[in-house]
Amino acid sequence: MIYRLYEWVVIRGIGILPAHICFMITGEDLRNAPEKLAFVARWCGEVNRNLEGHAPLPNNSSTNRAIQGVTVHVSTPNPDEIVPFLPSIREVSTYAELILHVGEHQEGAGEGIAFEVVVGKSGRDEIVSCIRTMAGEGLRPEEVNEQTFERCLTFRYTPDLVIKTGGYHLTDFLIWQSVYSELFFSDVNWRLFRKIDFLRALRDYQGRVRRFGT
């Protein structure tokens, strides 16, 4: 009862949300708690619904009041290890629009918040792929700029908040896109990560002043 009350107090104090969130977990994390992905998808929907009753923002406001997308990167040298957990991963589609990337395989199901689960892909792989794409298009060096590079990225979004559970070691996933992202490191590992821990990350994000490198 006390836990639920504390959860209610925290969520009532959140009025600003990151539009896109990225979780970084390991293959071991997924093996230990594959069901946590669906939990996160459900939590995001609950947080969004909580803010639906807030007063509307001015049209020119840069403040965001809805989680629009979530990405979970599963760091593993062997993407095939997640095959036994595919049924649990697909449960995400009960609460959100699941887009699953495993190697070259991609599948989707459900509707709602875009929820991408990316297994095994690295930021280095993505950058190499960008360079190959530009080379294949026959672009000259002087034609390459930030806009050209970003057009060739596999994942064309910039996470507002990156959450790393269970420690302080980040991967190179979204290394280009996350340069200005806010980082939240949780001492709680993925298996024990609770809704209240998620809400604390959102509250921490709300309290930051984003400078985007300035």
C-alpha atoms as a PDB file:
ATOM      1  CA  MET A   1       0.000   0.000   0.000  1.00  0.00           C
ATOM      2  CA  ILE A   2       2.795   2.423   0.923  1.00  0.00           C
ATOM      3  CA  TYR A   3       4.657   1.493  -2.253  1.00  0.00           C
ATOM      4  CA  ARG A   4       1.580   2.231  -4.399  1.00  0.00           C
ATOM      5  CA  LEU A   5       1.071   5.551  -2.625  1.00  0.00           C
ATOM      6  CA  TYR A   6       4.699   6.552  -3.233  1.00  0.00           C
ATOM      7  CA  GLU A   7       4.348   5.570  -6.889  1.00  0.00           C
ATOM      8  CA  TRP A   8       1.234   7.755  -7.172  1.00  0.00           C
ATOM      9  CA  VAL A   9       3.030  10.725  -5.583  1.00  0.00           C
ATOM     10  CA  VAL A  10       5.965  10.447  -7.993  1.00  0.00           C
ATOM     11  CA  ILE A  11       3.840  10.088 -11.113  1.00  0.00           C
ATOM     12  CA  ARG A  12       1.654  13.041 -10.122  1.00  0.00           C
ATOM     13  CA  GLY A  13       4.771  15.203  -9.991  1.00  0.00           C
ATOM     14  CA  ILE A  14       5.799  14.427 -13.562  1.00  0.00           C
ATOM     15  CA  GLY A  15       4.583  16.949 -16.140  1.00  0.00           C
ATOM     16  CA  ILE A  16       7.350  16.796 -18.756  1.00  0.00           C
ATOM     17  CA  LEU A  17       8.298  13.610 -20.577  1.00  0.00           C
ATOM     18  CA  PRO A  18      11.046  12.558 -22.979  1.00  0.00           C
ATOM     19  CA  ALA A  19       9.611  11.983 -26.451  1.00  0.00           C
ATOM     20  CA  HIS A  20      11.952   9.062 -27.080  1.00  0.00           C
ATOM     21  CA  ILE A  21      13.607   6.775 -24.523  1.00  0.00           C
ATOM     22  CA  CYS A  22      16.395   4.268 -25.099  1.00  0.00           C
ATOM     23  CA  PHE A  23      17.136   1.413 -22.689  1.00  0.00           C
ATOM     24  CA  MET A  24      20.491  -0.336 -22.897  1.00  0.00           C
ATOM     25  CA  ILE A  25      20.530  -3.903 -21.575  1.00  0.00           C
ATOM     26  CA  THR A  26      22.624  -7.031 -22.132  1.00  0.00           C
ATOM     27  CA  GLY A  27      21.800 -10.472 -23.444  1.00  0.00           C
ATOM     28  CA  GLU A  28      22.112 -11.758 -19.888  1.00  0.00           C
ATOM     29  CA  ASP A  29      19.598  -9.148 -18.714  1.00  0.00           C
ATOM     30  CA  LEU A  30      17.124 -10.365 -21.319  1.00  0.00           C
ATOM     31  CA  ARG A  31      17.628 -13.995 -20.341  1.00  0.00           C
ATOM     32  CA  ASN A  32      17.013 -13.158 -16.686  1.00  0.00           C
ATOM     33  CA  ALA A  33      13.844 -11.108 -17.257  1.00  0.00           C
ATOM     34  CA  PRO A  34      12.449 -11.208 -20.804  1.00  0.00           C
ATOM     35  CA  GLU A  35       8.999 -10.274 -19.490  1.00  0.00           C
ATOM     36  CA  LYS A  36      10.304  -6.868 -18.384  1.00  0.00           C
ATOM     37  CA  LEU A  37      10.011  -5.534 -21.941  1.00  0.00           C
ATOM     38  CA  ALA A  38       6.228  -5.831 -21.875  1.00  0.00           C
ATOM     39  CA  PHE A  39       6.183  -4.271 -18.411  1.00  0.00           C
ATOM     40  CA  VAL A  40       8.056  -1.210 -19.716  1.00  0.00           C
ATOM     41  CA  ALA A  41       5.648  -0.886 -22.654  1.00  0.00           C
ATOM     42  CA  ARG A  42       2.700  -0.990 -20.238  1.00  0.00           C
ATOM     43  CA  TRP A  43       4.321   1.556 -17.894  1.00  0.00           C
ATOM     44  CA  CYS A  44       4.833   3.999 -20.767  1.00  0.00           C
ATOM     45  CA  GLY A  45       1.144   3.793 -21.685  1.00  0.00           C
ATOM     46  CA  GLU A  46       0.141   4.359 -18.065  1.00  0.00           C
ATOM     47  CA  VAL A  47       2.407   7.415 -17.772  1.00  0.00           C
ATOM     48  CA  ASN A  48       0.991   8.903 -20.970  1.00  0.00           C
ATOM     49  CA  ARG A  49      -2.573   8.384 -19.784  1.00  0.00           C
ATOM     50  CA  ASN A  50      -1.754  10.093 -16.493  1.00  0.00           C
ATOM     51  CA  LEU A  51      -0.776  13.276 -18.339  1.00  0.00           C
ATOM     52  CA  GLU A  52      -3.837  13.325 -20.597  1.00  0.00           C
ATOM     53  CA  GLY A  53      -5.742  15.369 -18.010  1.00  0.00           C
ATOM     54  CA  HIS A  54      -3.106  18.108 -17.769  1.00  0.00           C
ATOM     55  CA  ALA A  55      -3.812  21.519 -19.250  1.00  0.00           C
ATOM     56  CA  PRO A  56      -2.886  21.715 -22.970  1.00  0.00           C
ATOM     57  CA  LEU A  57       0.413  23.347 -23.873  1.00  0.00           C
ATOM     58  CA  PRO A  58       0.757  26.384 -26.157  1.00  0.00           C
ATOM     59  CA  ASN A  59       1.281  25.470 -29.805  1.00  0.00           C
ATOM     60  CA  ASN A  60       4.784  26.959 -29.766  1.00  0.00           C
ATOM     61  CA  SER A  61       5.844  25.135 -26.592  1.00  0.00           C
ATOM     62  CA  SER A  62       8.865  22.805 -26.803  1.00  0.00           C
ATOM     63  CA  THR A  63       7.693  20.923 -23.702  1.00  0.00           C
ATOM     64  CA  ASN A  64       6.703  17.319 -24.345  1.00  0.00           C
ATOM     65  CA  ARG A  65       3.955  15.496 -22.481  1.00  0.00           C
ATOM     66  CA  ALA A  66       3.898  12.076 -24.132  1.00  0.00           C
ATOM     67  CA  ILE A  67       6.348   9.243 -24.629  1.00  0.00           C
ATOM     68  CA  GLN A  68       6.213   8.665 -28.379  1.00  0.00           C
ATOM     69  CA  GLY A  69       8.853   5.983 -28.813  1.00  0.00           C
ATOM     70  CA  VAL A  70      11.001   3.528 -26.889  1.00  0.00           C
ATOM     71  CA  THR A  71      14.045   1.597 -28.039  1.00  0.00           C
ATOM     72  CA  VAL A  72      15.563  -1.294 -26.130  1.00  0.00           C
ATOM     73  CA  HIS A  73      19.035  -2.284 -27.292  1.00  0.00           C
ATOM     74  CA  VAL A  74      20.112  -5.794 -26.330  1.00  0.00           C
ATOM     75  CA  SER A  75      23.892  -5.969 -26.427  1.00  0.00           C
ATOM     76  CA  THR A  76      25.024  -9.472 -27.375  1.00  0.00           C
ATOM     77  CA  PRO A  77      27.625 -10.977 -29.730  1.00  0.00           C
ATOM     78  CA  ASN A  78      25.179 -13.794 -30.511  1.00  0.00           C
ATOM     79  CA  PRO A  79      21.712 -12.557 -31.530  1.00  0.00           C
ATOM     80  CA  ASP A  80      20.481 -16.155 -31.839  1.00  0.00           C
ATOM     81  CA  GLU A  81      20.586 -16.497 -28.047  1.00  0.00           C
ATOM     82  CA  ILE A  82      17.356 -14.508 -27.762  1.00  0.00           C
ATOM     83  CA  VAL A  83      15.328 -16.949 -29.881  1.00  0.00           C
ATOM     84  CA  PRO A  84      13.918 -18.812 -26.815  1.00  0.00           C
ATOM     85  CA  PHE A  85      12.609 -15.496 -25.490  1.00  0.00           C
ATOM     86  CA  LEU A  86      10.807 -14.345 -28.633  1.00  0.00           C
ATOM     87  CA  PRO A  87       7.341 -15.155 -27.182  1.00  0.00           C
ATOM     88  CA  SER A  88       8.038 -12.842 -24.220  1.00  0.00           C
ATOM     89  CA  ILE A  89       9.381 -10.108 -26.512  1.00  0.00           C
ATOM     90  CA  ARG A  90       6.283 -10.346 -28.708  1.00  0.00           C
ATOM     91  CA  GLU A  91       4.117  -9.670 -25.646  1.00  0.00           C
ATOM     92  CA  VAL A  92       5.156  -6.017 -26.107  1.00  0.00           C
ATOM     93  CA  SER A  93       2.641  -5.832 -28.975  1.00  0.00           C
ATOM     94  CA  THR A  94      -0.133  -6.134 -26.375  1.00  0.00           C
ATOM     95  CA  TYR A  95       0.696  -2.628 -25.157  1.00  0.00           C
ATOM     96  CA  ALA A  96       2.584  -0.921 -28.010  1.00  0.00           C
ATOM     97  CA  GLU A  97       3.641  -1.183 -31.641  1.00  0.00           C
ATOM     98  CA  LEU A  98       6.517  -3.679 -31.546  1.00  0.00           C
ATOM     99  CA  ILE A  99       9.305  -3.409 -34.132  1.00  0.00           C
ATOM    100  CA  LEU A 100      11.812  -6.212 -33.589  1.00  0.00           C
ATOM    101  CA  HIS A 101      15.271  -6.241 -35.203  1.00  0.00           C
ATOM    102  CA  VAL A 102      17.362  -9.422 -34.923  1.00  0.00           C
ATOM    103  CA  GLY A 103      20.289  -9.432 -37.314  1.00  0.00           C
ATOM    104  CA  GLU A 104      18.802  -8.831 -40.754  1.00  0.00           C
ATOM    105  CA  HIS A 105      15.362 -10.030 -39.636  1.00  0.00           C
ATOM    106  CA  GLN A 106      12.678  -7.471 -38.832  1.00  0.00           C
ATOM    107  CA  GLU A 107       9.068  -7.947 -37.786  1.00  0.00           C
ATOM    108  CA  GLY A 108       6.286  -5.813 -36.364  1.00  0.00           C
ATOM    109  CA  ALA A 109       2.953  -6.146 -34.585  1.00  0.00           C
ATOM    110  CA  GLY A 110       0.562  -4.192 -32.396  1.00  0.00           C
ATOM    111  CA  GLU A 111      -0.268  -0.514 -32.244  1.00  0.00           C
ATOM    112  CA  GLY A 112       0.402   2.476 -30.021  1.00  0.00           C
ATOM    113  CA  ILE A 113       3.770   3.807 -28.891  1.00  0.00           C
ATOM    114  CA  ALA A 114       6.573   2.750 -31.248  1.00  0.00           C
ATOM    115  CA  PHE A 115       8.597   0.192 -29.268  1.00  0.00           C
ATOM    116  CA  GLU A 116      11.732  -1.072 -31.026  1.00  0.00           C
ATOM    117  CA  VAL A 117      13.738  -4.006 -29.697  1.00  0.00           C
ATOM    118  CA  VAL A 118      17.143  -4.116 -31.365  1.00  0.00           C
ATOM    119  CA  VAL A 119      19.266  -7.198 -30.784  1.00  0.00           C
ATOM    120  CA  GLY A 120      22.997  -7.261 -31.389  1.00  0.00           C
ATOM    121  CA  LYS A 121      23.386  -4.237 -33.674  1.00  0.00           C
ATOM    122  CA  SER A 122      26.133  -1.788 -32.761  1.00  0.00           C
ATOM    123  CA  GLY A 123      26.692   1.878 -33.494  1.00  0.00           C
ATOM    124  CA  ARG A 124      29.886   1.006 -35.345  1.00  0.00           C
ATOM    125  CA  ASP A 125      27.999  -1.373 -37.615  1.00  0.00           C
ATOM    126  CA  GLU A 126      25.464   1.352 -38.354  1.00  0.00           C
ATOM    127  CA  ILE A 127      28.147   3.911 -39.232  1.00  0.00           C
ATOM    128  CA  VAL A 128      29.922   1.432 -41.513  1.00  0.00           C
ATOM    129  CA  SER A 129      26.566   0.763 -43.192  1.00  0.00           C
ATOM    130  CA  CYS A 130      26.085   4.523 -43.689  1.00  0.00           C
ATOM    131  CA  ILE A 131      29.454   4.859 -45.380  1.00  0.00           C
ATOM    132  CA  ARG A 132      28.722   1.908 -47.656  1.00  0.00           C
ATOM    133  CA  THR A 133      25.365   3.408 -48.605  1.00  0.00           C
ATOM    134  CA  MET A 134      26.924   6.754 -49.479  1.00  0.00           C
ATOM    135  CA  ALA A 135      29.703   5.035 -51.439  1.00  0.00           C
ATOM    136  CA  GLY A 136      27.083   2.989 -53.290  1.00  0.00           C
ATOM    137  CA  GLU A 137      25.292   6.204 -54.236  1.00  0.00           C
ATOM    138  CA  GLY A 138      28.533   7.532 -55.715  1.00  0.00           C
ATOM    139  CA  LEU A 139      28.598  10.628 -53.517  1.00  0.00           C
ATOM    140  CA  ARG A 140      31.669  12.835 -53.755  1.00  0.00           C
ATOM    141  CA  PRO A 141      33.397  13.854 -50.466  1.00  0.00           C
ATOM    142  CA  GLU A 142      32.164  17.440 -50.764  1.00  0.00           C
ATOM    143  CA  GLU A 143      28.572  16.174 -50.994  1.00  0.00           C
ATOM    144  CA  VAL A 144      28.754  14.451 -47.611  1.00  0.00           C
ATOM    145  CA  ASN A 145      27.401  16.455 -44.666  1.00  0.00           C
ATOM    146  CA  GLU A 146      25.425  15.804 -41.479  1.00  0.00           C
ATOM    147  CA  GLN A 147      22.119  15.704 -43.312  1.00  0.00           C
ATOM    148  CA  THR A 148      23.451  13.192 -45.849  1.00  0.00           C
ATOM    149  CA  PHE A 149      24.840  11.011 -43.081  1.00  0.00           C
ATOM    150  CA  GLU A 150      21.638  11.089 -41.033  1.00  0.00           C
ATOM    151  CA  ARG A 151      19.591  10.170 -44.113  1.00  0.00           C
ATOM    152  CA  CYS A 152      21.579   6.936 -44.347  1.00  0.00           C
ATOM    153  CA  LEU A 153      21.207   5.929 -40.699  1.00  0.00           C
ATOM    154  CA  THR A 154      19.222   2.801 -39.866  1.00  0.00           C
ATOM    155  CA  PHE A 155      17.619   4.418 -36.794  1.00  0.00           C
ATOM    156  CA  ARG A 156      16.635   7.989 -37.632  1.00  0.00           C
ATOM    157  CA  TYR A 157      15.650   9.385 -34.259  1.00  0.00           C
ATOM    158  CA  THR A 158      17.433  11.042 -31.367  1.00  0.00           C
ATOM    159  CA  PRO A 159      16.628   9.676 -27.902  1.00  0.00           C
ATOM    160  CA  ASP A 160      15.938  12.341 -25.295  1.00  0.00           C
ATOM    161  CA  LEU A 161      16.741   9.960 -22.453  1.00  0.00           C
ATOM    162  CA  VAL A 162      19.062   6.941 -22.348  1.00  0.00           C
ATOM    163  CA  ILE A 163      18.553   4.601 -19.378  1.00  0.00           C
ATOM    164  CA  LYS A 164      21.265   2.111 -18.436  1.00  0.00           C
ATOM    165  CA  THR A 165      20.315  -0.402 -15.771  1.00  0.00           C
ATOM    166  CA  GLY A 166      22.709  -2.248 -13.495  1.00  0.00           C
ATOM    167  CA  GLY A 167      25.837  -0.147 -13.932  1.00  0.00           C
ATOM    168  CA  TYR A 168      27.718   2.551 -15.794  1.00  0.00           C
ATOM    169  CA  HIS A 169      28.946   0.821 -18.936  1.00  0.00           C
ATOM    170  CA  LEU A 170      27.239   2.129 -22.079  1.00  0.00           C
ATOM    171  CA  THR A 171      27.403   0.472 -25.478  1.00  0.00           C
ATOM    172  CA  ASP A 172      28.097   2.321 -28.736  1.00  0.00           C
ATOM    173  CA  PHE A 173      24.509   1.859 -29.936  1.00  0.00           C
ATOM    174  CA  LEU A 174      23.063   5.123 -31.361  1.00  0.00           C
ATOM    175  CA  ILE A 175      26.497   6.661 -30.901  1.00  0.00           C
ATOM    176  CA  TRP A 176      25.663   9.388 -33.459  1.00  0.00           C
ATOM    177  CA  GLN A 177      22.045   9.951 -32.455  1.00  0.00           C
ATOM    178  CA  SER A 178      22.564  10.093 -28.670  1.00  0.00           C
ATOM    179  CA  VAL A 179      25.306  12.724 -28.554  1.00  0.00           C
ATOM    180  CA  TYR A 180      22.954  15.199 -26.792  1.00  0.00           C
ATOM    181  CA  SER A 181      20.818  12.658 -24.942  1.00  0.00           C
ATOM    182  CA  GLU A 182      20.318  12.842 -21.201  1.00  0.00           C
ATOM    183  CA  LEU A 183      21.813   9.792 -19.464  1.00  0.00           C
ATOM    184  CA  PHE A 184      20.339   8.019 -16.456  1.00  0.00           C
ATOM    185  CA  PHE A 185      22.314   5.254 -14.738  1.00  0.00           C
ATOM    186  CA  SER A 186      20.356   3.006 -12.397  1.00  0.00           C
ATOM    187  CA  ASP A 187      22.081   0.820  -9.810  1.00  0.00           C
ATOM    188  CA  VAL A 188      19.087  -1.511 -10.066  1.00  0.00           C
ATOM    189  CA  ASN A 189      19.661  -4.293 -12.576  1.00  0.00           C
ATOM    190  CA  TRP A 190      17.170  -5.098 -15.318  1.00  0.00           C
ATOM    191  CA  ARG A 191      15.615  -8.090 -13.531  1.00  0.00           C
ATOM    192  CA  LEU A 192      14.766  -5.985 -10.457  1.00  0.00           C
ATOM    193  CA  PHE A 193      13.895  -2.779 -12.334  1.00  0.00           C
ATOM    194  CA  ARG A 194      10.441  -1.653 -11.164  1.00  0.00           C
ATOM    195  CA  LYS A 195       7.915   0.896 -12.305  1.00  0.00           C
ATOM    196  CA  ILE A 196       9.001   3.216  -9.472  1.00  0.00           C
ATOM    197  CA  ASP A 197      12.581   3.073 -10.783  1.00  0.00           C
ATOM    198  CA  PHE A 198      11.284   4.040 -14.222  1.00  0.00           C
ATOM    199  CA  LEU A 199       9.299   6.914 -12.746  1.00  0.00           C
ATOM    200  CA  ARG A 200      12.382   8.139 -10.898  1.00  0.00           C
ATOM    201  CA  ALA A 201      14.269   8.233 -14.187  1.00  0.00           C
ATOM    202  CA  LEU A 202      11.470  10.318 -15.715  1.00  0.00           C
ATOM    203  CA  ARG A 203      11.432  12.644 -12.722  1.00  0.00           C
ATOM    204  CA  ASP A 204      15.200  13.060 -12.968  1.00  0.00           C
ATOM    205  CA  TYR A 205      14.859  13.914 -16.676  1.00  0.00           C
ATOM    206  CA  GLN A 206      12.196  16.510 -15.909  1.00  0.00           C
ATOM    207  CA  GLY A 207      14.561  18.270 -13.494  1.00  0.00           C
ATOM    208  CA  ARG A 208      17.375  18.720 -15.997  1.00  0.00           C
ATOM    209  CA  VAL A 209      18.037  21.744 -18.177  1.00  0.00           C
ATOM    210  CA  ARG A 210      18.910  20.478 -21.630  1.00  0.00           C
ATOM    211  CA  ARG A 211      21.686  22.420 -23.354  1.00  0.00           C
ATOM    212  CA  PHE A 212      22.237  20.267 -26.484  1.00  0.00           C
ATOM    213  CA  GLY A 213      25.999  20.720 -26.292  1.00  0.00           C
ATOM    214  CA  THR A 214      25.957  24.499 -25.764  1.00  0.00           C
END
